[in-house]
């Protein structure tokens, strides 16, 4: 059995760790509310923009935007991987990176090359270790994502797609379900699918009626549609980063709460061991005193 001094040192060490995890839990809880509000506020906006895009896709026009046309053969894809900059958030990054690794193996087995855009320090480090071809990255986004920092990396893949070097663009991110549950997801964003995945995981079609529409474009269809599609894709990635940040703060709060609770249990166990050790030492000293007195 360890000595009383060693046990006291262990108790102090665990108590110090518990103070840190408790503080991190409280910080994550305060940030979580703001992150969830931003995420929920942008969901209706993106759903409405998606409906507008689908209206345009069914319009009667001679110009068909490349973002709406699927290519017959896929030789190269682009992948946007959204992760966190910091750790200590449970299995959040592990789950999404496992999905990335599985998709990478599937694409490689089919002879498809992959270009990656990393959003978040954890994803960038993983892709570098995996040997993936990273064409752009953005890290240290802070607690509030800024669209101007995301536009550059997203534009890299969009330009590659328009140039014909990339045939599809996929995104990997974690969506927020509730405080206790976050789900890793993968989806194609270019060509733009005719359905979108709701927060509940349900695939929904655009809220449009039957028939077609004939719009009047000013200055012309090509310029207007190109700007509209690009803004939609940038907004979609921005929404996914918001989802990931809300998931990060929730996962970190839960992980730190579990760490604090486990530290409390360890302290209780060590305190019990310490009390037993101290009682054994006292009993031994009394026995020695009694034995010495008897010998005299």
Protein backbone atom coordinates (compact mmCIF):
# COMPACT_ATOMS: atom_id res chain seq x y z
CA UNK A 1 0.00 0.00 0.00
CA UNK A 2 1.28 3.47 -0.88
CA UNK A 3 2.37 5.74 1.91
CA UNK A 4 0.11 8.44 3.35
CA UNK A 5 2.20 11.22 1.83
CA UNK A 6 1.97 9.73 -1.67
CA UNK A 7 -1.81 9.35 -1.35
CA UNK A 8 -2.16 12.97 -0.17
CA UNK A 9 -0.16 14.13 -3.19
CA UNK A 10 -2.40 12.12 -5.52
CA UNK A 11 -5.52 13.60 -3.92
CA UNK A 12 -4.17 17.14 -4.37
CA UNK A 13 -3.26 16.40 -8.01
CA UNK A 14 -6.74 15.06 -8.82
CA UNK A 15 -8.37 17.99 -7.02
CA UNK A 16 -6.35 20.42 -9.16
CA UNK A 17 -7.40 18.57 -12.31
CA UNK A 18 -11.02 18.65 -11.18
CA UNK A 19 -10.87 22.43 -10.75
CA UNK A 20 -9.63 22.77 -14.34
CA UNK A 21 -12.29 20.46 -15.84
CA UNK A 22 -15.02 22.19 -13.82
CA UNK A 23 -13.90 25.59 -15.10
CA UNK A 24 -13.80 24.31 -18.69
CA UNK A 25 -17.28 22.85 -18.27
CA UNK A 26 -18.64 26.23 -17.17
CA UNK A 27 -16.89 28.07 -20.02
CA UNK A 28 -18.24 25.59 -22.59
CA UNK A 29 -21.75 25.93 -21.15
CA UNK A 30 -21.62 29.72 -21.51
CA UNK A 31 -20.36 29.50 -25.11
CA UNK A 32 -22.78 26.72 -26.03
CA UNK A 33 -25.90 28.89 -25.76
CA UNK A 34 -24.54 31.54 -28.16
CA UNK A 35 -23.30 28.91 -30.61
CA UNK A 36 -26.68 27.16 -30.62
CA UNK A 37 -28.52 30.45 -31.16
CA UNK A 38 -26.34 31.27 -34.20
CA UNK A 39 -26.84 27.78 -35.60
CA UNK A 40 -30.63 27.77 -35.16
CA UNK A 41 -30.95 31.29 -36.59
CA UNK A 42 -29.20 30.31 -39.83
CA UNK A 43 -31.13 27.07 -40.47
CA UNK A 44 -34.35 28.71 -41.84
CA UNK A 45 -32.25 31.04 -44.00
CA UNK A 46 -30.40 28.15 -45.67
CA UNK A 47 -33.63 26.23 -46.18
CA UNK A 48 -35.18 29.24 -47.93
CA UNK A 49 -32.11 29.77 -50.12
CA UNK A 50 -32.23 26.09 -51.09
CA UNK A 51 -35.86 26.47 -52.18
CA UNK A 52 -34.91 29.48 -54.33
CA UNK A 53 -32.07 27.53 -55.94
CA UNK A 54 -34.43 24.66 -56.76
CA UNK A 55 -36.93 27.12 -58.25
CA UNK A 56 -34.17 28.42 -60.49
CA UNK A 57 -33.13 24.87 -61.40
CA UNK A 58 -36.62 24.19 -62.80
CA UNK A 59 -36.89 27.51 -64.63
CA UNK A 60 -37.24 27.68 -68.39
CA UNK A 61 -33.93 29.08 -69.55
CA UNK A 62 -31.42 28.19 -72.21
CA UNK A 63 -28.57 28.47 -69.69
CA UNK A 64 -28.06 25.46 -67.42
CA UNK A 65 -25.66 26.24 -64.58
CA UNK A 66 -22.81 23.71 -64.14
CA UNK A 67 -23.58 23.40 -60.41
CA UNK A 68 -26.90 21.77 -61.30
CA UNK A 69 -25.57 19.24 -63.84
CA UNK A 70 -24.15 15.88 -62.77
CA UNK A 71 -21.18 14.59 -64.72
CA UNK A 72 -21.29 11.11 -66.19
CA UNK A 73 -17.95 9.91 -64.86
CA UNK A 74 -16.32 10.99 -61.62
CA UNK A 75 -12.53 10.97 -61.78
CA UNK A 76 -11.66 13.44 -59.04
CA UNK A 77 -13.61 14.80 -56.08
CA UNK A 78 -13.10 17.63 -53.63
CA UNK A 79 -13.83 17.19 -49.92
CA UNK A 80 -14.34 19.88 -47.27
CA UNK A 81 -13.55 18.50 -43.80
CA UNK A 82 -14.95 20.55 -40.91
CA UNK A 83 -13.45 19.83 -37.48
CA UNK A 84 -12.53 21.75 -34.34
CA UNK A 85 -9.35 23.68 -33.58
CA UNK A 86 -9.13 22.37 -30.02
CA UNK A 87 -9.55 18.99 -28.39
CA UNK A 88 -11.15 17.88 -25.12
CA UNK A 89 -14.56 17.49 -26.76
CA UNK A 90 -15.10 13.75 -26.44
CA UNK A 91 -15.33 11.68 -29.61
CA UNK A 92 -16.57 14.55 -31.79
CA UNK A 93 -13.52 14.76 -34.06
CA UNK A 94 -12.82 11.03 -33.92
CA UNK A 95 -16.26 10.18 -35.29
CA UNK A 96 -16.14 12.58 -38.25
CA UNK A 97 -12.53 11.72 -39.11
CA UNK A 98 -13.44 8.03 -39.10
CA UNK A 99 -16.09 8.87 -41.70
CA UNK A 100 -13.50 10.78 -43.75
CA UNK A 101 -11.09 7.84 -43.64
CA UNK A 102 -13.75 5.39 -44.78
CA UNK A 103 -14.81 7.64 -47.67
CA UNK A 104 -11.14 8.13 -48.65
CA UNK A 105 -10.66 4.35 -48.80
CA UNK A 106 -13.80 3.93 -50.91
CA UNK A 107 -12.76 6.65 -53.37
CA UNK A 108 -9.23 5.26 -53.61
CA UNK A 109 -10.55 1.75 -54.26
CA UNK A 110 -12.61 3.12 -57.16
CA UNK A 111 -9.61 4.96 -58.60
CA UNK A 112 -10.93 8.42 -57.71
CA UNK A 113 -8.44 11.08 -56.62
CA UNK A 114 -9.33 13.45 -53.78
CA UNK A 115 -8.47 17.09 -53.03
CA UNK A 116 -9.11 18.20 -49.46
CA UNK A 117 -9.97 21.52 -47.86
CA UNK A 118 -9.41 21.44 -44.10
CA UNK A 119 -11.46 23.70 -41.83
CA UNK A 120 -10.12 23.24 -38.31
CA UNK A 121 -6.75 22.33 -36.87
CA UNK A 122 -7.68 18.74 -35.95
CA UNK A 123 -8.80 17.88 -39.45
CA UNK A 124 -5.73 19.47 -41.01
CA UNK A 125 -3.41 17.44 -38.79
CA UNK A 126 -5.29 14.22 -39.56
CA UNK A 127 -5.22 14.79 -43.32
CA UNK A 128 -1.49 15.51 -43.20
CA UNK A 129 -0.84 12.27 -41.32
CA UNK A 130 -3.10 10.39 -43.73
CA UNK A 131 -1.19 11.75 -46.70
CA UNK A 132 -4.19 13.51 -48.23
CA UNK A 133 -3.77 16.22 -50.86
CA UNK A 134 -4.69 19.44 -48.98
CA UNK A 135 -5.29 22.28 -51.46
CA UNK A 136 -6.48 24.86 -48.89
CA UNK A 137 -7.08 25.17 -45.17
CA UNK A 138 -8.29 27.60 -42.53
CA UNK A 139 -7.64 27.20 -38.80
CA UNK A 140 -8.08 29.19 -35.59
CA UNK A 141 -11.61 30.34 -36.42
CA UNK A 142 -12.33 31.26 -32.80
CA UNK A 143 -15.73 30.98 -31.14
CA UNK A 144 -17.61 32.78 -33.94
CA UNK A 145 -17.09 31.77 -37.60
CA UNK A 146 -16.46 34.54 -40.10
CA UNK A 147 -17.65 34.10 -43.66
CA UNK A 148 -14.78 36.12 -45.14
CA UNK A 149 -12.29 33.55 -43.80
CA UNK A 150 -14.27 30.62 -45.24
CA UNK A 151 -14.84 32.06 -48.71
CA UNK A 152 -11.23 31.56 -49.87
CA UNK A 153 -10.92 27.80 -49.20
CA UNK A 154 -14.42 27.12 -50.54
CA UNK A 155 -13.70 29.16 -53.67
CA UNK A 156 -10.65 26.98 -54.31
CA UNK A 157 -12.79 23.89 -54.85
CA UNK A 158 -15.53 25.79 -56.68
CA UNK A 159 -12.99 27.13 -59.19
CA UNK A 160 -11.55 23.64 -59.61
CA UNK A 161 -15.03 22.33 -60.32
CA UNK A 162 -15.78 25.07 -62.85
CA UNK A 163 -12.46 24.35 -64.56
CA UNK A 164 -13.35 20.66 -64.88
CA UNK A 165 -10.55 19.44 -62.61
CA UNK A 166 -13.01 18.26 -59.93
CA UNK A 167 -16.25 16.40 -60.74
CA UNK A 168 -17.93 16.50 -57.32
CA UNK A 169 -17.55 18.38 -54.03
CA UNK A 170 -18.42 16.68 -50.74
CA UNK A 171 -18.49 18.01 -47.20
CA UNK A 172 -17.87 16.27 -43.86
CA UNK A 173 -19.16 17.92 -40.69
CA UNK A 174 -20.92 17.23 -37.39
CA UNK A 175 -24.52 18.35 -37.07
CA UNK A 176 -26.15 19.38 -33.81
CA UNK A 177 -29.12 17.26 -32.69
CA UNK A 178 -29.29 18.21 -29.03
CA UNK A 179 -26.92 18.87 -26.14
CA UNK A 180 -26.28 15.17 -25.60
CA UNK A 181 -26.23 14.05 -29.24
CA UNK A 182 -24.21 15.16 -32.27
CA UNK A 183 -24.03 13.21 -35.53
CA UNK A 184 -21.19 13.06 -38.11
CA UNK A 185 -22.50 13.55 -41.64
CA UNK A 186 -21.25 13.42 -45.18
CA UNK A 187 -22.99 14.87 -48.20
CA UNK A 188 -22.50 16.15 -51.73
CA UNK A 189 -22.96 19.87 -52.19
CA UNK A 190 -21.79 20.14 -55.83
CA UNK A 191 -23.59 19.31 -58.07
CA UNK A 192 -26.32 20.72 -55.86
CA UNK A 193 -28.64 17.84 -54.83
CA UNK A 194 -32.42 18.10 -55.24
CA UNK A 195 -32.95 17.25 -51.57
CA UNK A 196 -31.48 18.61 -48.37
CA UNK A 197 -30.91 16.86 -45.06
CA UNK A 198 -32.81 18.38 -42.14
CA UNK A 199 -31.36 18.58 -38.64
CA UNK A 200 -33.36 15.48 -37.69
CA UNK A 201 -31.60 13.52 -40.45
CA UNK A 202 -34.68 13.40 -42.68
CA UNK A 203 -34.17 14.06 -46.39
CA UNK A 204 -36.55 16.78 -47.58
CA UNK A 205 -37.40 18.03 -51.03
CA UNK A 206 -37.57 21.69 -51.90
CA UNK A 207 -40.85 23.41 -51.08
CA UNK A 208 -41.89 24.12 -54.66
CA UNK A 209 -45.09 23.46 -56.54
CA UNK A 210 -45.71 21.79 -59.86
CA UNK A 211 -44.88 23.37 -63.18
CA UNK A 212 -42.00 25.52 -64.33
CA UNK A 213 -41.13 29.20 -64.13
CA UNK A 214 -39.77 31.66 -66.64
CA UNK A 215 -37.77 34.39 -64.91
CA UNK A 216 -36.56 37.69 -66.32
CA UNK A 217 -32.83 37.95 -65.61
CA UNK A 218 -31.01 41.24 -65.26
CA UNK A 219 -28.32 41.70 -66.47
CA UNK A 220 -28.29 38.08 -67.78
CA UNK A 221 -28.96 34.54 -66.58
CA UNK A 222 -25.33 33.42 -66.59
CA UNK A 223 -24.03 36.21 -64.36
CA UNK A 224 -26.99 36.19 -61.99
CA UNK A 225 -27.11 32.40 -61.54
CA UNK A 226 -23.37 32.12 -61.06
CA UNK A 227 -23.44 34.67 -58.24
CA UNK A 228 -26.50 33.05 -56.69
CA UNK A 229 -25.04 29.54 -56.73
CA UNK A 230 -21.72 30.65 -55.29
CA UNK A 231 -23.42 32.54 -52.45
CA UNK A 232 -25.54 29.47 -51.72
CA UNK A 233 -22.51 27.17 -51.46
CA UNK A 234 -20.61 29.62 -49.28
CA UNK A 235 -23.67 29.96 -47.03
CA UNK A 236 -24.08 26.17 -46.87
CA UNK A 237 -20.48 25.71 -45.69
CA UNK A 238 -20.92 28.58 -43.21
CA UNK A 239 -24.02 26.83 -41.81
CA UNK A 240 -22.10 23.55 -41.45
CA UNK A 241 -19.31 25.32 -39.56
CA UNK A 242 -21.99 26.79 -37.25
CA UNK A 243 -23.41 23.31 -36.71
CA UNK A 244 -19.95 21.97 -35.94
CA UNK A 245 -19.20 24.76 -33.43
CA UNK A 246 -22.48 24.22 -31.59
CA UNK A 247 -21.69 20.50 -31.47
CA UNK A 248 -18.17 21.24 -30.23
CA UNK A 249 -19.28 23.32 -27.24
CA UNK A 250 -21.99 20.82 -26.30
CA UNK A 251 -19.60 17.87 -26.57
CA UNK A 252 -16.93 19.70 -24.57
CA UNK A 253 -19.38 20.59 -21.79
CA UNK A 254 -20.54 16.96 -21.53
CA UNK A 255 -16.97 15.63 -21.65
CA UNK A 256 -15.73 18.03 -18.98
CA UNK A 257 -18.72 17.24 -16.75
CA UNK A 258 -17.94 13.53 -17.06
CA UNK A 259 -14.28 14.25 -16.26
CA UNK A 260 -15.25 16.27 -13.18
CA UNK A 261 -17.57 13.52 -11.97
CA UNK A 262 -14.89 10.87 -12.49
CA UNK A 263 -12.36 13.02 -10.63
CA UNK A 264 -14.79 13.24 -7.72
CA UNK A 265 -15.09 9.45 -7.62
CA UNK A 266 -11.31 9.04 -7.71
CA UNK A 267 -10.92 11.55 -4.86
CA UNK A 268 -13.45 9.62 -2.77
CA UNK A 269 -11.63 6.33 -3.41
CA UNK A 270 -8.25 7.86 -2.61
CA UNK A 271 -9.64 9.46 0.54
CA UNK A 272 -10.89 6.05 1.69
CA UNK A 273 -7.49 4.48 0.99
CA UNK A 274 -5.78 7.33 2.82
CA UNK A 275 -8.02 6.88 5.87
CA UNK A 276 -7.33 3.14 5.93
CA UNK A 277 -3.59 3.76 5.59
CA UNK A 278 -3.63 6.31 8.40
CA UNK A 279 -5.66 4.01 10.64
CA UNK A 280 -3.26 1.15 9.97
CA UNK A 281 -0.30 3.38 10.88
CA UNK A 282 -1.99 4.47 14.11
CA UNK A 283 -2.84 0.88 15.00
CA UNK A 284 0.75 -0.18 14.35
CA UNK A 285 2.12 2.58 16.59
CA UNK A 286 -0.28 1.66 19.39
CA UNK A 287 0.71 -1.98 19.10
CA UNK A 288 4.38 -1.04 19.33
CA UNK A 289 3.72 1.13 22.44
CA UNK A 290 1.71 -1.63 24.11
CA UNK A 291 4.34 -4.22 23.21
CA UNK A 292 7.12 -2.03 24.56
CA UNK A 293 5.24 -1.38 27.79
CA UNK A 294 4.59 -5.11 28.22
CA UNK A 295 8.24 -5.87 27.68
CA UNK A 296 9.25 -3.40 30.38
